[in-house]
Amino acid sequence: MNDKKQDGSKKNSWKIIIVLILIFAVFKSCGNGNTCKEKGCHDELYKDGYCRTHYMLHITDEYLDDYFHPDYGK
């Protein structure tokens, strides 16, 4: 009977460890507060959630869309 209690406590310990690992993984993936929001980029933020390079690319893309398609989005 004592063996069953030990087996049960080992299972509960593993469950707790797995839950803690999953919680850590969720917070790690959501805690992207200081890096670029562009997928795969881990550079520091510059403006509007982008790093300096992706911010410039984003602004350039918007400018070119407005330049070549002035009625775009209206």
PDB file of N, CA and C in Angstrom:
ATOM      1  N   MET A   1       0.820  -1.184   0.000  1.00  0.00           N
ATOM      2  CA  MET A   1       0.000   0.000   0.000  1.00  0.00           C
ATOM      3  C   MET A   1       0.871   1.258   0.000  1.00  0.00           C
ATOM      4  N   ASN A   2       1.972   1.205   0.650  1.00  0.00           N
ATOM      5  CA  ASN A   2       2.888   2.337   0.699  1.00  0.00           C
ATOM      6  C   ASN A   2       3.489   2.617  -0.671  1.00  0.00           C
ATOM      7  N   ASP A   3       3.691   1.558  -1.476  1.00  0.00           N
ATOM      8  CA  ASP A   3       4.221   1.719  -2.835  1.00  0.00           C
ATOM      9  C   ASP A   3       3.252   2.502  -3.723  1.00  0.00           C
ATOM     10  N   LYS A   4       1.956   2.283  -3.525  1.00  0.00           N
ATOM     11  CA  LYS A   4       0.957   2.997  -4.334  1.00  0.00           C
ATOM     12  C   LYS A   4       1.004   4.493  -4.042  1.00  0.00           C
ATOM     13  N   LYS A   5       1.210   4.873  -2.785  1.00  0.00           N
ATOM     14  CA  LYS A   5       1.297   6.286  -2.430  1.00  0.00           C
ATOM     15  C   LYS A   5       2.525   6.928  -3.078  1.00  0.00           C
ATOM     16  N   GLN A   6       3.628   6.201  -3.091  1.00  0.00           N
ATOM     17  CA  GLN A   6       4.845   6.741  -3.701  1.00  0.00           C
ATOM     18  C   GLN A   6       4.678   6.895  -5.204  1.00  0.00           C
ATOM     19  N   ASP A   7       4.042   5.906  -5.845  1.00  0.00           N
ATOM     20  CA  ASP A   7       3.797   5.999  -7.286  1.00  0.00           C
ATOM     21  C   ASP A   7       2.879   7.177  -7.600  1.00  0.00           C
ATOM     22  N   GLY A   8       1.859   7.364  -6.779  1.00  0.00           N
ATOM     23  CA  GLY A   8       0.930   8.478  -6.977  1.00  0.00           C
ATOM     24  C   GLY A   8       1.613   9.821  -6.806  1.00  0.00           C
ATOM     25  N   SER A   9       2.489   9.928  -5.817  1.00  0.00           N
ATOM     26  CA  SER A   9       3.178  11.197  -5.604  1.00  0.00           C
ATOM     27  C   SER A   9       4.187  11.469  -6.715  1.00  0.00           C
ATOM     28  N   LYS A  10       4.797  10.423  -7.263  1.00  0.00           N
ATOM     29  CA  LYS A  10       5.711  10.607  -8.397  1.00  0.00           C
ATOM     30  C   LYS A  10       4.948  11.100  -9.623  1.00  0.00           C
ATOM     31  N   LYS A  11       3.772  10.540  -9.858  1.00  0.00           N
ATOM     32  CA  LYS A  11       2.958  10.967 -11.001  1.00  0.00           C
ATOM     33  C   LYS A  11       2.531  12.422 -10.824  1.00  0.00           C
ATOM     34  N   ASN A  12       2.130  12.771  -9.596  1.00  0.00           N
ATOM     35  CA  ASN A  12       1.721  14.152  -9.339  1.00  0.00           C
ATOM     36  C   ASN A  12       2.896  15.114  -9.501  1.00  0.00           C
ATOM     37  N   SER A  13       4.070  14.688  -9.087  1.00  0.00           N
ATOM     38  CA  SER A  13       5.252  15.532  -9.246  1.00  0.00           C
ATOM     39  C   SER A  13       5.531  15.790 -10.720  1.00  0.00           C
ATOM     40  N   TRP A  14       5.440  14.754 -11.536  1.00  0.00           N
ATOM     41  CA  TRP A  14       5.669  14.926 -12.968  1.00  0.00           C
ATOM     42  C   TRP A  14       4.611  15.823 -13.597  1.00  0.00           C
ATOM     43  N   LYS A  15       3.370  15.687 -13.148  1.00  0.00           N
ATOM     44  CA  LYS A  15       2.301  16.537 -13.676  1.00  0.00           C
ATOM     45  C   LYS A  15       2.588  18.004 -13.357  1.00  0.00           C
ATOM     46  N   ILE A  16       3.018  18.260 -12.138  1.00  0.00           N
ATOM     47  CA  ILE A  16       3.332  19.633 -11.732  1.00  0.00           C
ATOM     48  C   ILE A  16       4.495  20.179 -12.550  1.00  0.00           C
ATOM     49  N   ILE A  17       5.512  19.374 -12.748  1.00  0.00           N
ATOM     50  CA  ILE A  17       6.673  19.806 -13.538  1.00  0.00           C
ATOM     51  C   ILE A  17       6.263  20.108 -14.977  1.00  0.00           C
ATOM     52  N   ILE A  18       5.459  19.262 -15.567  1.00  0.00           N
ATOM     53  CA  ILE A  18       5.016  19.469 -16.953  1.00  0.00           C
ATOM     54  C   ILE A  18       4.161  20.725 -17.059  1.00  0.00           C
ATOM     55  N   VAL A  19       3.267  20.939 -16.098  1.00  0.00           N
ATOM     56  CA  VAL A  19       2.430  22.137 -16.119  1.00  0.00           C
ATOM     57  C   VAL A  19       3.289  23.392 -15.987  1.00  0.00           C
ATOM     58  N   LEU A  20       4.280  23.367 -15.109  1.00  0.00           N
ATOM     59  CA  LEU A  20       5.163  24.523 -14.950  1.00  0.00           C
ATOM     60  C   LEU A  20       5.952  24.815 -16.224  1.00  0.00           C
ATOM     61  N   ILE A  21       6.413  23.771 -16.889  1.00  0.00           N
ATOM     62  CA  ILE A  21       7.144  23.941 -18.150  1.00  0.00           C
ATOM     63  C   ILE A  21       6.226  24.551 -19.214  1.00  0.00           C
ATOM     64  N   LEU A  22       4.992  24.080 -19.292  1.00  0.00           N
ATOM     65  CA  LEU A  22       4.046  24.624 -20.265  1.00  0.00           C
ATOM     66  C   LEU A  22       3.711  26.079 -19.968  1.00  0.00           C
ATOM     67  N   ILE A  23       3.528  26.407 -18.701  1.00  0.00           N
ATOM     68  CA  ILE A  23       3.249  27.794 -18.330  1.00  0.00           C
ATOM     69  C   ILE A  23       4.437  28.687 -18.704  1.00  0.00           C
ATOM     70  N   PHE A  24       5.643  28.220 -18.415  1.00  0.00           N
ATOM     71  CA  PHE A  24       6.837  28.979 -18.763  1.00  0.00           C
ATOM     72  C   PHE A  24       6.916  29.195 -20.279  1.00  0.00           C
ATOM     73  N   ALA A  25       6.626  28.159 -21.052  1.00  0.00           N
ATOM     74  CA  ALA A  25       6.691  28.263 -22.512  1.00  0.00           C
ATOM     75  C   ALA A  25       5.668  29.269 -23.044  1.00  0.00           C
ATOM     76  N   VAL A  26       4.472  29.275 -22.471  1.00  0.00           N
ATOM     77  CA  VAL A  26       3.442  30.218 -22.915  1.00  0.00           C
ATOM     78  C   VAL A  26       3.868  31.644 -22.614  1.00  0.00           C
ATOM     79  N   PHE A  27       4.353  31.894 -21.405  1.00  0.00           N
ATOM     80  CA  PHE A  27       4.776  33.246 -21.063  1.00  0.00           C
ATOM     81  C   PHE A  27       6.002  33.678 -21.858  1.00  0.00           C
ATOM     82  N   LYS A  28       6.873  32.758 -22.161  1.00  0.00           N
ATOM     83  CA  LYS A  28       8.068  33.085 -22.950  1.00  0.00           C
ATOM     84  C   LYS A  28       7.668  33.496 -24.371  1.00  0.00           C
ATOM     85  N   SER A  29       6.697  32.792 -24.954  1.00  0.00           N
ATOM     86  CA  SER A  29       6.282  33.110 -26.314  1.00  0.00           C
ATOM     87  C   SER A  29       5.461  34.388 -26.370  1.00  0.00           C
ATOM     88  N   CYS A  30       4.722  34.700 -25.313  1.00  0.00           N
ATOM     89  CA  CYS A  30       3.916  35.918 -25.284  1.00  0.00           C
ATOM     90  C   CYS A  30       4.718  37.123 -24.833  1.00  0.00           C
ATOM     91  N   GLY A  31       5.806  36.909 -24.184  1.00  0.00           N
ATOM     92  CA  GLY A  31       6.579  38.008 -23.632  1.00  0.00           C
ATOM     93  C   GLY A  31       7.536  38.621 -24.623  1.00  0.00           C
ATOM     94  N   ASN A  32       7.073  38.893 -25.800  1.00  0.00           N
ATOM     95  CA  ASN A  32       7.910  39.452 -26.857  1.00  0.00           C
ATOM     96  C   ASN A  32       7.865  40.970 -26.809  1.00  0.00           C
ATOM     97  N   GLY A  33       8.093  41.557 -25.635  1.00  0.00           N
ATOM     98  CA  GLY A  33       7.901  42.979 -25.457  1.00  0.00           C
ATOM     99  C   GLY A  33       9.037  43.842 -25.954  1.00  0.00           C
ATOM    100  N   ASN A  34      10.241  43.328 -26.083  1.00  0.00           N
ATOM    101  CA  ASN A  34      11.384  44.166 -26.439  1.00  0.00           C
ATOM    102  C   ASN A  34      11.991  43.816 -27.784  1.00  0.00           C
ATOM    103  N   THR A  35      11.301  43.005 -28.575  1.00  0.00           N
ATOM    104  CA  THR A  35      11.857  42.623 -29.872  1.00  0.00           C
ATOM    105  C   THR A  35      10.870  42.949 -30.991  1.00  0.00           C
ATOM    106  N   CYS A  36      11.372  42.966 -32.183  1.00  0.00           N
ATOM    107  CA  CYS A  36      10.610  43.289 -33.384  1.00  0.00           C
ATOM    108  C   CYS A  36       9.433  42.325 -33.551  1.00  0.00           C
ATOM    109  N   LYS A  37       8.296  42.862 -34.033  1.00  0.00           N
ATOM    110  CA  LYS A  37       7.121  42.005 -34.218  1.00  0.00           C
ATOM    111  C   LYS A  37       7.145  41.251 -35.550  1.00  0.00           C
ATOM    112  N   GLU A  38       8.152  41.492 -36.360  1.00  0.00           N
ATOM    113  CA  GLU A  38       8.305  40.765 -37.619  1.00  0.00           C
ATOM    114  C   GLU A  38       8.718  39.332 -37.301  1.00  0.00           C
ATOM    115  N   LYS A  39       8.071  38.376 -37.938  1.00  0.00           N
ATOM    116  CA  LYS A  39       8.328  36.963 -37.640  1.00  0.00           C
ATOM    117  C   LYS A  39       9.795  36.605 -37.893  1.00  0.00           C
ATOM    118  N   GLY A  40      10.418  35.994 -36.893  1.00  0.00           N
ATOM    119  CA  GLY A  40      11.793  35.539 -37.013  1.00  0.00           C
ATOM    120  C   GLY A  40      12.838  36.592 -36.680  1.00  0.00           C
ATOM    121  N   CYS A  41      12.415  37.823 -36.413  1.00  0.00           N
ATOM    122  CA  CYS A  41      13.360  38.891 -36.094  1.00  0.00           C
ATOM    123  C   CYS A  41      13.399  39.088 -34.582  1.00  0.00           C
ATOM    124  N   HIS A  42      14.592  39.134 -34.039  1.00  0.00           N
ATOM    125  CA  HIS A  42      14.752  39.296 -32.598  1.00  0.00           C
ATOM    126  C   HIS A  42      15.529  40.566 -32.257  1.00  0.00           C
ATOM    127  N   ASP A  43      15.543  41.530 -33.186  1.00  0.00           N
ATOM    128  CA  ASP A  43      16.237  42.792 -32.941  1.00  0.00           C
ATOM    129  C   ASP A  43      15.419  43.660 -31.985  1.00  0.00           C
ATOM    130  N   GLU A  44      16.074  44.633 -31.386  1.00  0.00           N
ATOM    131  CA  GLU A  44      15.411  45.525 -30.445  1.00  0.00           C
ATOM    132  C   GLU A  44      14.410  46.428 -31.158  1.00  0.00           C
ATOM    133  N   LEU A  45      13.405  46.865 -30.410  1.00  0.00           N
ATOM    134  CA  LEU A  45      12.373  47.739 -30.958  1.00  0.00           C
ATOM    135  C   LEU A  45      12.926  49.100 -31.326  1.00  0.00           C
ATOM    136  N   TYR A  46      12.342  49.652 -32.379  1.00  0.00           N
ATOM    137  CA  TYR A  46      12.689  51.015 -32.795  1.00  0.00           C
ATOM    138  C   TYR A  46      11.427  51.882 -32.727  1.00  0.00           C
ATOM    139  N   LYS A  47      10.435  51.596 -33.587  1.00  0.00           N
ATOM    140  CA  LYS A  47       9.155  52.316 -33.591  1.00  0.00           C
ATOM    141  C   LYS A  47       8.045  51.382 -34.042  1.00  0.00           C
ATOM    142  N   ASP A  48       6.847  51.623 -33.531  1.00  0.00           N
ATOM    143  CA  ASP A  48       5.634  50.900 -33.930  1.00  0.00           C
ATOM    144  C   ASP A  48       5.774  49.379 -33.840  1.00  0.00           C
ATOM    145  N   GLY A  49       6.600  48.891 -32.939  1.00  0.00           N
ATOM    146  CA  GLY A  49       6.759  47.457 -32.756  1.00  0.00           C
ATOM    147  C   GLY A  49       7.757  46.804 -33.690  1.00  0.00           C
ATOM    148  N   TYR A  50       8.431  47.582 -34.520  1.00  0.00           N
ATOM    149  CA  TYR A  50       9.409  47.057 -35.469  1.00  0.00           C
ATOM    150  C   TYR A  50      10.821  47.464 -35.054  1.00  0.00           C
ATOM    151  N   CYS A  51      11.812  46.692 -35.495  1.00  0.00           N
ATOM    152  CA  CYS A  51      13.201  47.101 -35.356  1.00  0.00           C
ATOM    153  C   CYS A  51      13.464  48.183 -36.406  1.00  0.00           C
ATOM    154  N   ARG A  52      14.638  48.768 -36.377  1.00  0.00           N
ATOM    155  CA  ARG A  52      14.954  49.867 -37.300  1.00  0.00           C
ATOM    156  C   ARG A  52      14.814  49.421 -38.763  1.00  0.00           C
ATOM    157  N   THR A  53      15.338  48.270 -39.100  1.00  0.00           N
ATOM    158  CA  THR A  53      15.297  47.795 -40.493  1.00  0.00           C
ATOM    159  C   THR A  53      13.872  47.527 -40.951  1.00  0.00           C
ATOM    160  N   HIS A  54      13.094  46.775 -40.167  1.00  0.00           N
ATOM    161  CA  HIS A  54      11.734  46.444 -40.578  1.00  0.00           C
ATOM    162  C   HIS A  54      10.822  47.670 -40.541  1.00  0.00           C
ATOM    163  N   TYR A  55      11.095  48.623 -39.662  1.00  0.00           N
ATOM    164  CA  TYR A  55      10.322  49.861 -39.654  1.00  0.00           C
ATOM    165  C   TYR A  55      10.529  50.615 -40.960  1.00  0.00           C
ATOM    166  N   MET A  56      11.782  50.730 -41.393  1.00  0.00           N
ATOM    167  CA  MET A  56      12.072  51.427 -42.646  1.00  0.00           C
ATOM    168  C   MET A  56      11.444  50.694 -43.834  1.00  0.00           C
ATOM    169  N   LEU A  57      11.500  49.373 -43.833  1.00  0.00           N
ATOM    170  CA  LEU A  57      10.875  48.602 -44.910  1.00  0.00           C
ATOM    171  C   LEU A  57       9.356  48.793 -44.909  1.00  0.00           C
ATOM    172  N   HIS A  58       8.752  48.820 -43.728  1.00  0.00           N
ATOM    173  CA  HIS A  58       7.314  49.004 -43.599  1.00  0.00           C
ATOM    174  C   HIS A  58       6.894  50.390 -44.106  1.00  0.00           C
ATOM    175  N   ILE A  59       7.626  51.417 -43.711  1.00  0.00           N
ATOM    176  CA  ILE A  59       7.329  52.778 -44.155  1.00  0.00           C
ATOM    177  C   ILE A  59       7.514  52.901 -45.669  1.00  0.00           C
ATOM    178  N   THR A  60       8.570  52.321 -46.194  1.00  0.00           N
ATOM    179  CA  THR A  60       8.821  52.359 -47.639  1.00  0.00           C
ATOM    180  C   THR A  60       7.718  51.649 -48.404  1.00  0.00           C
ATOM    181  N   ASP A  61       7.288  50.510 -47.901  1.00  0.00           N
ATOM    182  CA  ASP A  61       6.212  49.754 -48.538  1.00  0.00           C
ATOM    183  C   ASP A  61       4.918  50.566 -48.563  1.00  0.00           C
ATOM    184  N   GLU A  62       4.588  51.222 -47.460  1.00  0.00           N
ATOM    185  CA  GLU A  62       3.390  52.056 -47.425  1.00  0.00           C
ATOM    186  C   GLU A  62       3.507  53.229 -48.409  1.00  0.00           C
ATOM    187  N   TYR A  63       4.674  53.844 -48.462  1.00  0.00           N
ATOM    188  CA  TYR A  63       4.887  54.971 -49.377  1.00  0.00           C
ATOM    189  C   TYR A  63       4.724  54.524 -50.827  1.00  0.00           C
ATOM    190  N   LEU A  64       5.325  53.395 -51.176  1.00  0.00           N
ATOM    191  CA  LEU A  64       5.232  52.911 -52.555  1.00  0.00           C
ATOM    192  C   LEU A  64       3.809  52.514 -52.910  1.00  0.00           C
ATOM    193  N   ASP A  65       3.088  51.923 -51.960  1.00  0.00           N
ATOM    194  CA  ASP A  65       1.680  51.605 -52.222  1.00  0.00           C
ATOM    195  C   ASP A  65       0.882  52.872 -52.504  1.00  0.00           C
ATOM    196  N   ASP A  66       1.112  53.915 -51.713  1.00  0.00           N
ATOM    197  CA  ASP A  66       0.407  55.179 -51.931  1.00  0.00           C
ATOM    198  C   ASP A  66       0.835  55.842 -53.233  1.00  0.00           C
ATOM    199  N   TYR A  67       2.095  55.719 -53.589  1.00  0.00           N
ATOM    200  CA  TYR A  67       2.617  56.351 -54.800  1.00  0.00           C
ATOM    201  C   TYR A  67       2.076  55.686 -56.062  1.00  0.00           C
ATOM    202  N   PHE A  68       2.110  54.362 -56.098  1.00  0.00           N
ATOM    203  CA  PHE A  68       1.679  53.645 -57.302  1.00  0.00           C
ATOM    204  C   PHE A  68       0.185  53.388 -57.340  1.00  0.00           C
ATOM    205  N   HIS A  69      -0.468  53.435 -56.208  1.00  0.00           N
ATOM    206  CA  HIS A  69      -1.918  53.206 -56.136  1.00  0.00           C
ATOM    207  C   HIS A  69      -2.529  54.280 -55.239  1.00  0.00           C
ATOM    208  N   PRO A  70      -2.683  55.505 -55.734  1.00  0.00           N
ATOM    209  CA  PRO A  70      -3.161  56.589 -54.886  1.00  0.00           C
ATOM    210  C   PRO A  70      -4.564  56.361 -54.332  1.00  0.00           C
ATOM    211  N   ASP A  71      -5.386  55.563 -54.998  1.00  0.00           N
ATOM    212  CA  ASP A  71      -6.740  55.295 -54.523  1.00  0.00           C
ATOM    213  C   ASP A  71      -6.787  54.018 -53.676  1.00  0.00           C
ATOM    214  N   TYR A  72      -5.642  53.434 -53.403  1.00  0.00           N
ATOM    215  CA  TYR A  72      -5.550  52.185 -52.648  1.00  0.00           C
ATOM    216  C   TYR A  72      -6.044  52.413 -51.225  1.00  0.00           C
ATOM    217  N   GLY A  73      -7.010  51.598 -50.817  1.00  0.00           N
ATOM    218  CA  GLY A  73      -7.530  51.666 -49.451  1.00  0.00           C
ATOM    219  C   GLY A  73      -8.587  52.731 -49.236  1.00  0.00           C
ATOM    220  N   LYS A  74      -9.016  53.417 -50.265  1.00  0.00           N
ATOM    221  CA  LYS A  74     -10.042  54.462 -50.098  1.00  0.00           C
ATOM    222  C   LYS A  74     -11.389  53.972 -50.506  1.00  0.00           C
TER     223      LYS A  74
END
